[in-house]
Amino acid sequence: MTDDANVRLFTALWPGSAPRAAFSALRDTWNWPPGAKPVPDEKLHATLHFIGRFPRERLEALGEALDTVPFAPLRLDLAGSEVWRGGIAVATLAESPALLELHSRLGAALAGLGVALEERPYLPHVTMARQARGARPPPVLPTLHWRPDGFALVASRGGGYHVLDTWGIAGRSGAT
């Protein structure tokens, strides 16, 4: 049964073609065990906040709340690769003051709408694969720099992702 009254959402840094290709190349250097599920190129991203089920009727209010979050240019650097508990293989990103400030401001905007925020500390990363227990990251990491040009509101449905809106230095760019 589908839930047409709600949409499953998250905010993320959504890479353009060059950083996406760099993350894809990194993913492809891992040694994956049988059964691992590498993330397809088009789904690679860095989650900022998981929102979860959100009422469709409140999407306009959510967009207005996100309009209040300023986006400042930031640079993200690859910090490492590891497998987390639960078999989630990730490329970790170095924390930066600008990234942590963006995360905090987005959290405040979401909390103002009653969204329950994750209680665990924010660990910036790009998921490389799921069900990857026993995966081995590359012995030498490439130098990888990413300069996101904004953040996105993304819907997740049936295993697919759809970018609903993006915000950058100039504000909202409109639905895609």
N, C-alpha and C. Protein backbone atom coordinates (compact mmCIF):
# COMPACT_ATOMS: atom_id res chain seq x y z
N MET A 1 0.84 -1.18 0.00
CA MET A 1 0.00 0.00 0.00
C MET A 1 0.89 1.24 0.00
N THR A 2 0.59 2.19 -0.87
CA THR A 2 1.38 3.42 -0.92
C THR A 2 0.80 4.45 0.02
N ASP A 3 1.65 5.37 0.42
CA ASP A 3 1.27 6.44 1.33
C ASP A 3 1.34 7.74 0.54
N ASP A 4 0.27 8.10 -0.15
CA ASP A 4 0.27 9.29 -0.99
C ASP A 4 0.23 10.58 -0.20
N ALA A 5 -0.09 10.51 1.09
CA ALA A 5 -0.18 11.72 1.90
C ALA A 5 1.20 12.19 2.36
N ASN A 6 2.20 11.29 2.30
CA ASN A 6 3.54 11.61 2.79
C ASN A 6 4.58 11.31 1.72
N VAL A 7 5.73 11.94 1.89
CA VAL A 7 6.87 11.68 1.03
C VAL A 7 8.08 11.49 1.94
N ARG A 8 8.95 10.59 1.56
CA ARG A 8 10.17 10.33 2.35
C ARG A 8 11.27 11.24 1.83
N LEU A 9 11.84 12.05 2.73
CA LEU A 9 12.76 13.12 2.32
C LEU A 9 14.08 13.10 3.08
N PHE A 10 15.08 13.73 2.46
CA PHE A 10 16.33 14.05 3.13
C PHE A 10 16.95 15.25 2.45
N THR A 11 17.84 15.94 3.16
CA THR A 11 18.61 17.01 2.55
C THR A 11 20.02 16.46 2.32
N ALA A 12 20.65 16.95 1.26
CA ALA A 12 21.95 16.39 0.90
C ALA A 12 22.76 17.38 0.09
N LEU A 13 24.05 17.10 0.06
CA LEU A 13 24.93 17.74 -0.91
C LEU A 13 24.92 16.79 -2.10
N TRP A 14 24.51 17.31 -3.25
CA TRP A 14 24.30 16.47 -4.43
C TRP A 14 25.41 16.80 -5.43
N PRO A 15 26.32 15.86 -5.70
CA PRO A 15 27.47 16.20 -6.54
C PRO A 15 27.12 16.39 -8.01
N GLY A 16 27.86 17.30 -8.63
CA GLY A 16 27.79 17.46 -10.08
C GLY A 16 28.57 16.34 -10.75
N SER A 17 28.76 16.45 -12.05
CA SER A 17 29.36 15.35 -12.80
C SER A 17 30.81 15.05 -12.41
N ALA A 18 31.64 16.07 -12.19
CA ALA A 18 33.06 15.81 -11.88
C ALA A 18 33.23 15.15 -10.50
N PRO A 19 32.65 15.70 -9.42
CA PRO A 19 32.80 15.00 -8.14
C PRO A 19 32.12 13.63 -8.13
N ARG A 20 31.00 13.50 -8.84
CA ARG A 20 30.32 12.20 -8.91
C ARG A 20 31.24 11.17 -9.57
N ALA A 21 31.92 11.58 -10.63
CA ALA A 21 32.86 10.67 -11.30
C ALA A 21 34.01 10.29 -10.36
N ALA A 22 34.48 11.25 -9.56
CA ALA A 22 35.56 10.96 -8.61
C ALA A 22 35.10 9.97 -7.54
N PHE A 23 33.89 10.15 -7.02
CA PHE A 23 33.36 9.21 -6.02
C PHE A 23 33.11 7.84 -6.66
N SER A 24 32.64 7.81 -7.90
CA SER A 24 32.44 6.54 -8.60
C SER A 24 33.76 5.80 -8.76
N ALA A 25 34.80 6.54 -9.15
CA ALA A 25 36.12 5.93 -9.33
C ALA A 25 36.63 5.38 -8.00
N LEU A 26 36.42 6.12 -6.93
CA LEU A 26 36.83 5.65 -5.61
C LEU A 26 36.07 4.38 -5.25
N ARG A 27 34.77 4.39 -5.44
CA ARG A 27 33.94 3.21 -5.14
C ARG A 27 34.46 1.99 -5.90
N ASP A 28 34.86 2.20 -7.14
CA ASP A 28 35.28 1.09 -7.98
C ASP A 28 36.66 0.54 -7.63
N THR A 29 37.40 1.22 -6.72
CA THR A 29 38.70 0.70 -6.28
C THR A 29 38.58 -0.20 -5.06
N TRP A 30 37.41 -0.24 -4.44
CA TRP A 30 37.20 -1.11 -3.29
C TRP A 30 37.19 -2.58 -3.74
N ASN A 31 37.49 -3.48 -2.83
CA ASN A 31 37.36 -4.91 -3.06
C ASN A 31 36.08 -5.34 -2.36
N TRP A 32 35.03 -5.63 -3.15
CA TRP A 32 33.71 -5.93 -2.58
C TRP A 32 33.52 -7.41 -2.37
N PRO A 33 32.96 -7.81 -1.24
CA PRO A 33 32.65 -9.22 -1.01
C PRO A 33 31.39 -9.60 -1.79
N PRO A 34 31.16 -10.90 -1.98
CA PRO A 34 29.91 -11.32 -2.62
C PRO A 34 28.72 -10.79 -1.84
N GLY A 35 27.72 -10.33 -2.56
CA GLY A 35 26.52 -9.83 -1.92
C GLY A 35 26.53 -8.35 -1.60
N ALA A 36 27.70 -7.70 -1.71
CA ALA A 36 27.76 -6.25 -1.47
C ALA A 36 26.93 -5.53 -2.52
N LYS A 37 26.37 -4.41 -2.13
CA LYS A 37 25.53 -3.62 -3.04
C LYS A 37 26.13 -2.22 -3.20
N PRO A 38 27.08 -2.06 -4.15
CA PRO A 38 27.64 -0.73 -4.39
C PRO A 38 26.54 0.25 -4.81
N VAL A 39 26.65 1.48 -4.34
CA VAL A 39 25.68 2.52 -4.65
C VAL A 39 25.87 2.94 -6.12
N PRO A 40 24.79 2.96 -6.91
CA PRO A 40 24.92 3.39 -8.30
C PRO A 40 25.37 4.85 -8.39
N ASP A 41 26.05 5.17 -9.48
CA ASP A 41 26.58 6.52 -9.67
C ASP A 41 25.56 7.61 -9.38
N GLU A 42 24.35 7.47 -9.92
CA GLU A 42 23.35 8.52 -9.82
C GLU A 42 22.81 8.72 -8.40
N LYS A 43 23.15 7.82 -7.47
CA LYS A 43 22.67 7.94 -6.10
C LYS A 43 23.76 8.41 -5.13
N LEU A 44 24.98 8.61 -5.60
CA LEU A 44 26.05 9.05 -4.71
C LEU A 44 25.78 10.48 -4.23
N HIS A 45 25.86 10.70 -2.93
CA HIS A 45 25.59 12.00 -2.34
C HIS A 45 26.08 12.01 -0.89
N ALA A 46 26.09 13.16 -0.28
CA ALA A 46 26.40 13.28 1.14
C ALA A 46 25.14 13.78 1.84
N THR A 47 24.52 12.92 2.64
CA THR A 47 23.32 13.31 3.37
C THR A 47 23.66 14.36 4.42
N LEU A 48 22.82 15.36 4.52
CA LEU A 48 22.95 16.37 5.58
C LEU A 48 22.00 16.03 6.73
N HIS A 49 20.71 15.88 6.41
CA HIS A 49 19.71 15.50 7.41
C HIS A 49 18.70 14.56 6.78
N PHE A 50 18.42 13.46 7.47
CA PHE A 50 17.34 12.57 7.07
C PHE A 50 16.07 13.12 7.70
N ILE A 51 15.08 13.37 6.88
CA ILE A 51 13.80 13.92 7.36
C ILE A 51 12.80 12.79 7.59
N GLY A 52 12.79 11.82 6.71
CA GLY A 52 11.85 10.72 6.82
C GLY A 52 10.50 11.10 6.22
N ARG A 53 9.45 10.44 6.69
CA ARG A 53 8.10 10.69 6.16
C ARG A 53 7.68 12.12 6.50
N PHE A 54 7.26 12.84 5.48
CA PHE A 54 6.87 14.24 5.66
C PHE A 54 5.57 14.46 4.89
N PRO A 55 4.60 15.17 5.49
CA PRO A 55 3.33 15.39 4.80
C PRO A 55 3.49 16.21 3.51
N ARG A 56 2.97 15.68 2.42
CA ARG A 56 3.04 16.41 1.14
C ARG A 56 2.42 17.80 1.25
N GLU A 57 1.35 17.91 2.05
CA GLU A 57 0.66 19.19 2.18
C GLU A 57 1.54 20.25 2.85
N ARG A 58 2.65 19.83 3.47
CA ARG A 58 3.54 20.78 4.14
C ARG A 58 4.84 21.04 3.36
N LEU A 59 4.92 20.53 2.12
CA LEU A 59 6.13 20.72 1.33
C LEU A 59 6.43 22.20 1.06
N GLU A 60 5.40 23.00 0.85
CA GLU A 60 5.63 24.43 0.61
C GLU A 60 6.24 25.08 1.86
N ALA A 61 5.73 24.75 3.03
CA ALA A 61 6.28 25.29 4.27
C ALA A 61 7.72 24.82 4.46
N LEU A 62 8.02 23.58 4.09
CA LEU A 62 9.39 23.07 4.19
C LEU A 62 10.30 23.87 3.26
N GLY A 63 9.86 24.10 2.04
CA GLY A 63 10.65 24.90 1.10
C GLY A 63 10.91 26.30 1.63
N GLU A 64 9.89 26.91 2.23
CA GLU A 64 10.06 28.25 2.80
C GLU A 64 11.04 28.24 3.96
N ALA A 65 11.02 27.19 4.78
CA ALA A 65 11.96 27.09 5.89
C ALA A 65 13.39 26.93 5.35
N LEU A 66 13.56 26.13 4.31
CA LEU A 66 14.88 25.94 3.73
C LEU A 66 15.37 27.20 3.01
N ASP A 67 14.43 28.03 2.55
CA ASP A 67 14.81 29.32 1.94
C ASP A 67 15.57 30.21 2.92
N THR A 68 15.36 30.00 4.21
CA THR A 68 16.01 30.86 5.22
C THR A 68 17.44 30.41 5.55
N VAL A 69 17.85 29.27 5.01
CA VAL A 69 19.18 28.73 5.32
C VAL A 69 20.18 29.24 4.29
N PRO A 70 21.12 30.10 4.72
CA PRO A 70 22.10 30.60 3.75
C PRO A 70 23.10 29.51 3.38
N PHE A 71 23.54 29.55 2.13
CA PHE A 71 24.56 28.61 1.68
C PHE A 71 25.82 29.40 1.38
N ALA A 72 26.89 29.03 2.06
CA ALA A 72 28.19 29.65 1.82
C ALA A 72 29.08 28.63 1.11
N PRO A 73 29.93 29.08 0.21
CA PRO A 73 30.82 28.13 -0.47
C PRO A 73 31.61 27.30 0.55
N LEU A 74 31.80 26.04 0.24
CA LEU A 74 32.58 25.19 1.10
C LEU A 74 33.40 24.22 0.28
N ARG A 75 34.41 23.69 0.90
CA ARG A 75 35.28 22.70 0.25
C ARG A 75 35.28 21.46 1.13
N LEU A 76 35.03 20.34 0.50
CA LEU A 76 35.05 19.06 1.21
C LEU A 76 36.22 18.24 0.68
N ASP A 77 36.94 17.62 1.61
CA ASP A 77 38.08 16.79 1.26
C ASP A 77 37.84 15.38 1.74
N LEU A 78 38.27 14.42 0.95
CA LEU A 78 38.19 13.02 1.35
C LEU A 78 39.09 12.81 2.56
N ALA A 79 38.55 12.20 3.60
CA ALA A 79 39.32 11.96 4.82
C ALA A 79 39.70 10.49 4.97
N GLY A 80 38.88 9.58 4.45
CA GLY A 80 39.17 8.17 4.60
C GLY A 80 38.10 7.31 3.98
N SER A 81 38.30 6.01 4.07
CA SER A 81 37.33 5.01 3.62
C SER A 81 37.27 3.93 4.67
N GLU A 82 36.07 3.49 5.01
CA GLU A 82 35.94 2.47 6.04
C GLU A 82 34.58 1.79 5.93
N VAL A 83 34.44 0.69 6.64
CA VAL A 83 33.16 -0.01 6.72
C VAL A 83 32.62 0.19 8.12
N TRP A 84 31.42 0.76 8.20
CA TRP A 84 30.77 1.01 9.47
C TRP A 84 29.97 -0.20 9.91
N ARG A 85 29.57 -0.15 11.16
CA ARG A 85 28.71 -1.19 11.70
C ARG A 85 27.49 -1.35 10.80
N GLY A 86 27.08 -2.57 10.62
CA GLY A 86 25.93 -2.81 9.74
C GLY A 86 26.35 -3.01 8.29
N GLY A 87 27.66 -2.99 8.02
CA GLY A 87 28.14 -3.25 6.66
C GLY A 87 27.98 -2.10 5.70
N ILE A 88 27.99 -0.87 6.20
CA ILE A 88 27.89 0.31 5.34
C ILE A 88 29.31 0.79 5.02
N ALA A 89 29.68 0.71 3.75
CA ALA A 89 31.00 1.18 3.31
C ALA A 89 30.88 2.65 2.93
N VAL A 90 31.79 3.47 3.47
CA VAL A 90 31.69 4.92 3.27
C VAL A 90 33.03 5.53 2.90
N ALA A 91 32.93 6.65 2.22
CA ALA A 91 34.06 7.56 2.04
C ALA A 91 33.79 8.70 3.01
N THR A 92 34.63 8.83 4.02
CA THR A 92 34.41 9.89 5.00
C THR A 92 34.97 11.21 4.48
N LEU A 93 34.30 12.28 4.87
CA LEU A 93 34.69 13.62 4.47
C LEU A 93 35.21 14.38 5.68
N ALA A 94 36.26 15.13 5.48
CA ALA A 94 36.81 15.94 6.58
C ALA A 94 35.77 16.98 6.99
N GLU A 95 35.59 17.12 8.30
CA GLU A 95 34.67 18.15 8.77
C GLU A 95 35.27 19.52 8.50
N SER A 96 34.42 20.43 8.12
CA SER A 96 34.86 21.80 7.91
C SER A 96 33.90 22.71 8.65
N PRO A 97 34.37 23.86 9.12
CA PRO A 97 33.46 24.77 9.82
C PRO A 97 32.24 25.15 8.96
N ALA A 98 32.44 25.37 7.67
CA ALA A 98 31.32 25.75 6.80
C ALA A 98 30.30 24.62 6.68
N LEU A 99 30.77 23.39 6.60
CA LEU A 99 29.87 22.24 6.50
C LEU A 99 29.09 22.07 7.81
N LEU A 100 29.78 22.17 8.93
CA LEU A 100 29.10 22.02 10.22
C LEU A 100 28.10 23.14 10.46
N GLU A 101 28.41 24.34 9.99
CA GLU A 101 27.47 25.46 10.12
C GLU A 101 26.22 25.22 9.25
N LEU A 102 26.42 24.75 8.02
CA LEU A 102 25.29 24.42 7.15
C LEU A 102 24.43 23.34 7.81
N HIS A 103 25.04 22.30 8.31
CA HIS A 103 24.32 21.21 8.97
C HIS A 103 23.49 21.75 10.15
N SER A 104 24.10 22.61 10.94
CA SER A 104 23.42 23.19 12.10
C SER A 104 22.23 24.05 11.68
N ARG A 105 22.42 24.89 10.70
CA ARG A 105 21.33 25.78 10.25
C ARG A 105 20.18 25.00 9.62
N LEU A 106 20.52 23.98 8.84
CA LEU A 106 19.46 23.14 8.29
C LEU A 106 18.71 22.43 9.41
N GLY A 107 19.45 21.95 10.40
CA GLY A 107 18.81 21.28 11.54
C GLY A 107 17.85 22.21 12.27
N ALA A 108 18.25 23.46 12.46
CA ALA A 108 17.37 24.42 13.14
C ALA A 108 16.11 24.66 12.32
N ALA A 109 16.25 24.80 11.01
CA ALA A 109 15.08 25.03 10.15
C ALA A 109 14.14 23.82 10.19
N LEU A 110 14.70 22.63 10.15
CA LEU A 110 13.87 21.42 10.19
C LEU A 110 13.20 21.25 11.56
N ALA A 111 13.96 21.48 12.61
CA ALA A 111 13.39 21.36 13.95
C ALA A 111 12.23 22.34 14.13
N GLY A 112 12.33 23.52 13.51
CA GLY A 112 11.27 24.51 13.58
C GLY A 112 9.97 24.03 12.96
N LEU A 113 10.06 23.00 12.10
CA LEU A 113 8.87 22.40 11.49
C LEU A 113 8.45 21.13 12.20
N GLY A 114 9.12 20.83 13.31
CA GLY A 114 8.76 19.64 14.06
C GLY A 114 9.43 18.36 13.59
N VAL A 115 10.43 18.47 12.71
CA VAL A 115 11.14 17.28 12.25
C VAL A 115 12.07 16.80 13.36
N ALA A 116 12.00 15.53 13.69
CA ALA A 116 12.89 14.94 14.71
C ALA A 116 14.27 14.75 14.08
N LEU A 117 15.26 15.37 14.70
CA LEU A 117 16.63 15.31 14.17
C LEU A 117 17.36 14.10 14.72
N GLU A 118 18.30 13.61 13.93
CA GLU A 118 19.17 12.51 14.34
C GLU A 118 19.91 12.91 15.61
N GLU A 119 19.98 12.01 16.57
CA GLU A 119 20.66 12.32 17.83
C GLU A 119 22.14 12.00 17.78
N ARG A 120 22.54 11.11 16.89
CA ARG A 120 23.97 10.78 16.78
C ARG A 120 24.74 11.97 16.20
N PRO A 121 26.03 12.05 16.52
CA PRO A 121 26.84 13.13 15.94
C PRO A 121 26.88 13.01 14.42
N TYR A 122 26.93 14.15 13.76
CA TYR A 122 26.98 14.17 12.31
C TYR A 122 28.37 13.74 11.84
N LEU A 123 28.41 12.74 10.98
CA LEU A 123 29.65 12.24 10.40
C LEU A 123 29.55 12.36 8.89
N PRO A 124 30.13 13.42 8.31
CA PRO A 124 29.99 13.63 6.87
C PRO A 124 30.62 12.48 6.08
N HIS A 125 29.84 11.96 5.13
CA HIS A 125 30.31 10.82 4.35
C HIS A 125 29.48 10.66 3.08
N VAL A 126 30.02 9.88 2.17
CA VAL A 126 29.31 9.42 0.98
C VAL A 126 29.27 7.91 1.08
N THR A 127 28.06 7.32 1.07
CA THR A 127 27.94 5.87 1.14
C THR A 127 28.39 5.27 -0.18
N MET A 128 29.31 4.31 -0.09
CA MET A 128 29.85 3.63 -1.26
C MET A 128 29.09 2.33 -1.56
N ALA A 129 28.66 1.63 -0.49
CA ALA A 129 27.96 0.35 -0.66
C ALA A 129 27.25 -0.03 0.62
N ARG A 130 26.27 -0.88 0.48
CA ARG A 130 25.55 -1.47 1.60
C ARG A 130 25.81 -2.98 1.57
N GLN A 131 25.51 -3.63 2.67
CA GLN A 131 25.74 -5.08 2.80
C GLN A 131 27.19 -5.41 2.42
N ALA A 132 28.10 -4.59 2.92
CA ALA A 132 29.51 -4.67 2.51
C ALA A 132 30.43 -5.14 3.62
N ARG A 133 29.89 -5.90 4.57
CA ARG A 133 30.73 -6.44 5.65
C ARG A 133 31.87 -7.23 5.00
N GLY A 134 33.10 -6.94 5.41
CA GLY A 134 34.25 -7.62 4.85
C GLY A 134 34.86 -6.93 3.64
N ALA A 135 34.27 -5.83 3.20
CA ALA A 135 34.83 -5.09 2.07
C ALA A 135 36.17 -4.49 2.47
N ARG A 136 37.05 -4.34 1.49
CA ARG A 136 38.34 -3.73 1.76
C ARG A 136 38.49 -2.46 0.93
N PRO A 137 38.72 -1.33 1.62
CA PRO A 137 38.92 -0.08 0.89
C PRO A 137 40.28 -0.11 0.19
N PRO A 138 40.49 0.81 -0.74
CA PRO A 138 41.78 0.85 -1.42
C PRO A 138 42.90 1.15 -0.42
N PRO A 139 44.09 0.59 -0.64
CA PRO A 139 45.19 0.82 0.30
C PRO A 139 45.66 2.28 0.29
N VAL A 140 45.51 2.94 -0.83
CA VAL A 140 45.92 4.34 -0.94
C VAL A 140 44.72 5.14 -1.44
N LEU A 141 44.39 6.18 -0.70
CA LEU A 141 43.25 7.01 -1.11
C LEU A 141 43.69 8.08 -2.09
N PRO A 142 42.85 8.38 -3.06
CA PRO A 142 43.17 9.49 -3.96
C PRO A 142 42.93 10.82 -3.25
N THR A 143 43.51 11.86 -3.79
CA THR A 143 43.17 13.20 -3.31
C THR A 143 41.85 13.55 -3.97
N LEU A 144 40.87 13.90 -3.16
CA LEU A 144 39.55 14.20 -3.70
C LEU A 144 39.04 15.45 -3.01
N HIS A 145 38.80 16.49 -3.80
CA HIS A 145 38.23 17.75 -3.29
C HIS A 145 36.89 17.96 -3.98
N TRP A 146 35.93 18.40 -3.21
CA TRP A 146 34.59 18.66 -3.74
C TRP A 146 34.15 20.01 -3.24
N ARG A 147 33.71 20.85 -4.15
CA ARG A 147 33.18 22.17 -3.80
C ARG A 147 31.69 22.20 -4.17
N PRO A 148 30.83 21.74 -3.25
CA PRO A 148 29.39 21.75 -3.53
C PRO A 148 28.91 23.17 -3.83
N ASP A 149 27.97 23.27 -4.76
CA ASP A 149 27.44 24.58 -5.11
C ASP A 149 26.07 24.82 -4.48
N GLY A 150 25.67 23.96 -3.57
CA GLY A 150 24.39 24.14 -2.90
C GLY A 150 23.98 22.85 -2.22
N PHE A 151 22.79 22.87 -1.63
CA PHE A 151 22.23 21.67 -1.02
C PHE A 151 20.90 21.37 -1.69
N ALA A 152 20.46 20.13 -1.53
CA ALA A 152 19.25 19.67 -2.21
C ALA A 152 18.26 19.08 -1.22
N LEU A 153 16.98 19.17 -1.58
CA LEU A 153 15.91 18.44 -0.92
C LEU A 153 15.58 17.28 -1.84
N VAL A 154 15.69 16.06 -1.31
CA VAL A 154 15.59 14.86 -2.14
C VAL A 154 14.48 13.96 -1.62
N ALA A 155 13.69 13.43 -2.54
CA ALA A 155 12.66 12.45 -2.21
C ALA A 155 13.19 11.06 -2.54
N SER A 156 12.87 10.11 -1.68
CA SER A 156 13.27 8.72 -1.87
C SER A 156 12.00 7.90 -2.00
N ARG A 157 11.88 7.19 -3.14
CA ARG A 157 10.68 6.38 -3.33
C ARG A 157 11.01 5.17 -4.20
N GLY A 158 10.65 4.01 -3.69
CA GLY A 158 10.85 2.79 -4.46
C GLY A 158 12.29 2.54 -4.86
N GLY A 159 13.22 2.96 -4.02
CA GLY A 159 14.63 2.75 -4.32
C GLY A 159 15.26 3.83 -5.18
N GLY A 160 14.45 4.75 -5.68
CA GLY A 160 14.99 5.84 -6.50
C GLY A 160 15.01 7.15 -5.74
N TYR A 161 15.86 8.06 -6.20
CA TYR A 161 15.96 9.39 -5.61
C TYR A 161 15.54 10.42 -6.65
N HIS A 162 14.87 11.46 -6.17
CA HIS A 162 14.46 12.55 -7.05
C HIS A 162 14.74 13.88 -6.34
N VAL A 163 15.59 14.70 -6.94
CA VAL A 163 15.89 16.01 -6.36
C VAL A 163 14.67 16.91 -6.60
N LEU A 164 14.05 17.37 -5.50
CA LEU A 164 12.86 18.21 -5.60
C LEU A 164 13.21 19.68 -5.76
N ASP A 165 14.27 20.11 -5.09
CA ASP A 165 14.66 21.52 -5.10
C ASP A 165 16.12 21.62 -4.71
N THR A 166 16.75 22.71 -5.11
CA THR A 166 18.13 22.96 -4.69
C THR A 166 18.25 24.41 -4.24
N TRP A 167 19.21 24.64 -3.32
CA TRP A 167 19.51 25.96 -2.80
C TRP A 167 21.00 26.17 -2.91
N GLY A 168 21.40 27.35 -3.36
CA GLY A 168 22.82 27.66 -3.46
C GLY A 168 23.06 29.09 -2.98
N ILE A 169 24.14 29.66 -3.44
CA ILE A 169 24.51 31.02 -3.03
C ILE A 169 23.40 32.02 -3.37
N ALA A 170 22.74 31.81 -4.49
CA ALA A 170 21.68 32.72 -4.92
C ALA A 170 20.31 32.33 -4.37
N GLY A 171 20.25 31.34 -3.50
CA GLY A 171 18.98 30.91 -2.94
C GLY A 171 18.42 29.71 -3.69
N ARG A 172 17.10 29.60 -3.71
CA ARG A 172 16.43 28.45 -4.31
C ARG A 172 16.49 28.52 -5.82
N SER A 173 16.80 27.36 -6.43
CA SER A 173 16.86 27.35 -7.88
C SER A 173 15.57 26.85 -8.50
N GLY A 174 14.66 26.38 -7.67
CA GLY A 174 13.38 25.91 -8.20
C GLY A 174 13.37 24.41 -8.36
N ALA A 175 12.16 23.87 -8.45
CA ALA A 175 12.00 22.42 -8.59
C ALA A 175 12.63 21.96 -9.89
N THR A 176 13.19 20.73 -9.83
CA THR A 176 13.79 20.16 -11.03
C THR A 176 12.90 19.12 -11.64
